[in-house]
Amino acid sequence: MAARDANLEVVQFTNHDFAAIPEVPKIYGVSIYLHPNNRAASAQKNLYIVNNQDGLVTFRFDYNGQELKVTVSKA
């Protein structure tokens, strides 16, 4: 969600919008997955973000025990 809002290129091969997450629109459903014995399958499950901007992009994750806040900054 944060990457798309920051106009970064987002690539996902598998849609994971089947789980309802409060306050997160289904269009942003994705998983981060690693199968240690099948990395090729894992690669098809993950979300990839491409920095298509002119400068550096930083993702900051802040979790206070109840809420997760993701901030994207462009240099």
N, C-alpha and C. Protein backbone atom coordinates (compact mmCIF):
# COMPACT_ATOMS: atom_id res chain seq x y z
N MET A 1 0.83 -1.18 0.00
CA MET A 1 0.00 0.00 0.00
C MET A 1 0.88 1.25 0.00
N ALA A 2 1.86 1.27 0.89
CA ALA A 2 2.74 2.43 0.98
C ALA A 2 3.56 2.59 -0.30
N ALA A 3 4.02 1.48 -0.86
CA ALA A 3 4.83 1.55 -2.09
C ALA A 3 4.00 2.09 -3.25
N ARG A 4 2.78 1.61 -3.38
CA ARG A 4 1.91 2.11 -4.46
C ARG A 4 1.58 3.58 -4.25
N ASP A 5 1.31 3.95 -3.01
CA ASP A 5 1.01 5.35 -2.71
C ASP A 5 2.19 6.27 -3.01
N ALA A 6 3.42 5.72 -2.94
CA ALA A 6 4.63 6.49 -3.23
C ALA A 6 5.00 6.43 -4.72
N ASN A 7 4.10 5.87 -5.53
CA ASN A 7 4.30 5.75 -6.98
C ASN A 7 5.50 4.90 -7.36
N LEU A 8 5.82 3.90 -6.53
CA LEU A 8 6.86 2.94 -6.86
C LEU A 8 6.24 1.80 -7.66
N GLU A 9 7.05 1.14 -8.45
CA GLU A 9 6.56 0.00 -9.23
C GLU A 9 6.42 -1.20 -8.30
N VAL A 10 5.24 -1.81 -8.30
CA VAL A 10 4.96 -2.96 -7.45
C VAL A 10 4.63 -4.15 -8.33
N VAL A 11 5.31 -5.28 -8.07
CA VAL A 11 5.08 -6.50 -8.85
C VAL A 11 4.68 -7.61 -7.89
N GLN A 12 3.56 -8.25 -8.17
CA GLN A 12 3.16 -9.43 -7.41
C GLN A 12 2.56 -10.42 -8.39
N PHE A 13 3.03 -11.66 -8.33
CA PHE A 13 2.60 -12.69 -9.26
C PHE A 13 1.37 -13.43 -8.76
N THR A 14 1.15 -13.41 -7.45
CA THR A 14 0.04 -14.13 -6.85
C THR A 14 -0.80 -13.16 -6.03
N ASN A 15 -2.11 -13.20 -6.23
CA ASN A 15 -3.02 -12.34 -5.48
C ASN A 15 -3.36 -13.01 -4.15
N HIS A 16 -3.23 -12.29 -3.07
CA HIS A 16 -3.55 -12.81 -1.74
C HIS A 16 -4.58 -11.90 -1.07
N ASP A 17 -5.68 -11.66 -1.76
CA ASP A 17 -6.70 -10.75 -1.21
C ASP A 17 -7.84 -11.49 -0.51
N PHE A 18 -7.63 -12.75 -0.16
CA PHE A 18 -8.71 -13.56 0.40
C PHE A 18 -8.89 -13.35 1.90
N ALA A 19 -7.92 -12.83 2.60
CA ALA A 19 -8.04 -12.61 4.04
C ALA A 19 -8.46 -11.17 4.30
N ALA A 20 -9.49 -11.01 5.11
CA ALA A 20 -9.95 -9.66 5.46
C ALA A 20 -9.03 -9.08 6.53
N ILE A 21 -8.44 -7.93 6.22
CA ILE A 21 -7.59 -7.22 7.17
C ILE A 21 -8.23 -5.86 7.38
N PRO A 22 -8.69 -5.56 8.60
CA PRO A 22 -9.36 -4.28 8.85
C PRO A 22 -8.51 -3.10 8.38
N GLU A 23 -9.15 -2.16 7.72
CA GLU A 23 -8.54 -0.91 7.26
C GLU A 23 -7.56 -1.09 6.10
N VAL A 24 -7.46 -2.30 5.53
CA VAL A 24 -6.58 -2.53 4.38
C VAL A 24 -7.44 -2.99 3.21
N PRO A 25 -7.55 -2.19 2.15
CA PRO A 25 -8.33 -2.60 0.99
C PRO A 25 -7.78 -3.89 0.37
N LYS A 26 -8.67 -4.74 -0.15
CA LYS A 26 -8.27 -6.03 -0.70
C LYS A 26 -7.25 -5.93 -1.82
N ILE A 27 -7.23 -4.84 -2.54
CA ILE A 27 -6.26 -4.68 -3.64
C ILE A 27 -4.82 -4.77 -3.14
N TYR A 28 -4.59 -4.52 -1.86
CA TYR A 28 -3.24 -4.53 -1.31
C TYR A 28 -2.87 -5.86 -0.67
N GLY A 29 -3.69 -6.89 -0.83
CA GLY A 29 -3.40 -8.19 -0.23
C GLY A 29 -2.20 -8.86 -0.88
N VAL A 30 -1.23 -9.25 -0.08
CA VAL A 30 -0.02 -9.90 -0.58
C VAL A 30 0.61 -10.70 0.56
N SER A 31 1.41 -11.67 0.20
CA SER A 31 2.13 -12.43 1.23
C SER A 31 3.63 -12.28 1.02
N ILE A 32 4.36 -12.51 2.07
CA ILE A 32 5.80 -12.65 2.00
C ILE A 32 6.07 -14.08 2.45
N TYR A 33 6.64 -14.89 1.58
CA TYR A 33 6.68 -16.33 1.80
C TYR A 33 8.04 -16.89 1.40
N LEU A 34 8.54 -17.83 2.19
CA LEU A 34 9.77 -18.54 1.84
C LEU A 34 9.58 -20.02 2.12
N HIS A 35 9.71 -20.82 1.10
CA HIS A 35 9.75 -22.27 1.25
C HIS A 35 11.21 -22.66 1.09
N PRO A 36 11.88 -23.10 2.15
CA PRO A 36 13.32 -23.32 2.09
C PRO A 36 13.76 -24.35 1.05
N ASN A 37 12.88 -25.27 0.69
CA ASN A 37 13.24 -26.31 -0.28
C ASN A 37 12.78 -26.00 -1.69
N ASN A 38 12.07 -24.90 -1.87
CA ASN A 38 11.56 -24.56 -3.20
C ASN A 38 11.56 -23.05 -3.38
N ARG A 39 12.71 -22.49 -3.61
CA ARG A 39 12.83 -21.03 -3.76
C ARG A 39 12.11 -20.51 -4.99
N ALA A 40 12.00 -21.32 -6.03
CA ALA A 40 11.28 -20.88 -7.24
C ALA A 40 9.81 -20.64 -6.92
N ALA A 41 9.21 -21.53 -6.14
CA ALA A 41 7.81 -21.34 -5.74
C ALA A 41 7.68 -20.13 -4.83
N SER A 42 8.63 -19.96 -3.95
CA SER A 42 8.61 -18.80 -3.06
C SER A 42 8.64 -17.50 -3.84
N ALA A 43 9.44 -17.46 -4.89
CA ALA A 43 9.59 -16.24 -5.68
C ALA A 43 8.28 -15.80 -6.31
N GLN A 44 7.40 -16.74 -6.60
CA GLN A 44 6.12 -16.42 -7.22
C GLN A 44 5.09 -15.94 -6.20
N LYS A 45 5.36 -16.08 -4.92
CA LYS A 45 4.42 -15.70 -3.87
C LYS A 45 4.68 -14.32 -3.30
N ASN A 46 5.87 -13.80 -3.52
CA ASN A 46 6.29 -12.58 -2.84
C ASN A 46 5.94 -11.30 -3.59
N LEU A 47 6.05 -10.22 -2.88
CA LEU A 47 5.84 -8.87 -3.40
C LEU A 47 7.21 -8.27 -3.71
N TYR A 48 7.32 -7.64 -4.87
CA TYR A 48 8.57 -6.99 -5.26
C TYR A 48 8.29 -5.52 -5.51
N ILE A 49 9.17 -4.68 -4.99
CA ILE A 49 9.06 -3.24 -5.16
C ILE A 49 10.28 -2.76 -5.92
N VAL A 50 10.05 -2.04 -7.01
CA VAL A 50 11.13 -1.52 -7.84
C VAL A 50 11.23 -0.02 -7.62
N ASN A 51 12.43 0.44 -7.30
CA ASN A 51 12.64 1.87 -7.14
C ASN A 51 12.77 2.48 -8.53
N ASN A 52 11.69 3.05 -9.00
CA ASN A 52 11.67 3.71 -10.32
C ASN A 52 11.80 5.23 -10.17
N GLN A 53 12.24 5.67 -9.01
CA GLN A 53 12.41 7.10 -8.74
C GLN A 53 13.84 7.52 -9.07
N ASP A 54 14.09 8.82 -9.06
CA ASP A 54 15.41 9.35 -9.37
C ASP A 54 16.40 9.26 -8.21
N GLY A 55 15.90 9.07 -6.99
CA GLY A 55 16.78 9.02 -5.82
C GLY A 55 16.49 7.82 -4.95
N LEU A 56 17.13 7.80 -3.80
CA LEU A 56 16.93 6.72 -2.85
C LEU A 56 15.54 6.77 -2.25
N VAL A 57 15.01 5.60 -1.92
CA VAL A 57 13.72 5.48 -1.26
C VAL A 57 13.94 4.66 0.01
N THR A 58 13.41 5.14 1.13
CA THR A 58 13.56 4.46 2.41
C THR A 58 12.19 4.08 2.95
N PHE A 59 12.08 2.82 3.42
CA PHE A 59 10.87 2.36 4.09
C PHE A 59 11.16 2.30 5.58
N ARG A 60 10.30 2.90 6.38
CA ARG A 60 10.45 2.86 7.83
C ARG A 60 9.22 2.17 8.40
N PHE A 61 9.45 1.18 9.25
CA PHE A 61 8.37 0.43 9.89
C PHE A 61 8.39 0.73 11.37
N ASP A 62 7.30 1.27 11.89
CA ASP A 62 7.17 1.56 13.32
C ASP A 62 6.00 0.75 13.87
N TYR A 63 6.28 -0.09 14.87
CA TYR A 63 5.25 -0.91 15.50
C TYR A 63 5.24 -0.61 16.98
N ASN A 64 4.09 -0.19 17.50
CA ASN A 64 3.99 0.18 18.91
C ASN A 64 3.38 -0.92 19.77
N GLY A 65 3.28 -2.12 19.24
CA GLY A 65 2.67 -3.22 19.98
C GLY A 65 1.24 -3.48 19.56
N GLN A 66 0.61 -2.50 18.90
CA GLN A 66 -0.77 -2.65 18.44
C GLN A 66 -0.95 -2.22 16.99
N GLU A 67 -0.24 -1.19 16.59
CA GLU A 67 -0.40 -0.66 15.24
C GLU A 67 0.94 -0.62 14.52
N LEU A 68 0.87 -0.89 13.22
CA LEU A 68 2.06 -0.81 12.38
C LEU A 68 1.91 0.40 11.48
N LYS A 69 2.92 1.25 11.47
CA LYS A 69 2.93 2.43 10.61
C LYS A 69 4.10 2.29 9.65
N VAL A 70 3.83 2.41 8.35
CA VAL A 70 4.86 2.34 7.32
C VAL A 70 4.98 3.72 6.68
N THR A 71 6.19 4.23 6.65
CA THR A 71 6.46 5.53 6.05
C THR A 71 7.47 5.35 4.93
N VAL A 72 7.20 5.96 3.79
CA VAL A 72 8.11 5.92 2.65
C VAL A 72 8.67 7.32 2.45
N SER A 73 9.99 7.42 2.43
CA SER A 73 10.66 8.71 2.23
C SER A 73 11.50 8.65 0.97
N LYS A 74 11.48 9.74 0.21
CA LYS A 74 12.30 9.85 -0.99
C LYS A 74 13.41 10.86 -0.74
N ALA A 75 14.63 10.50 -1.14
CA ALA A 75 15.78 11.40 -0.95
C ALA A 75 15.86 12.39 -2.09
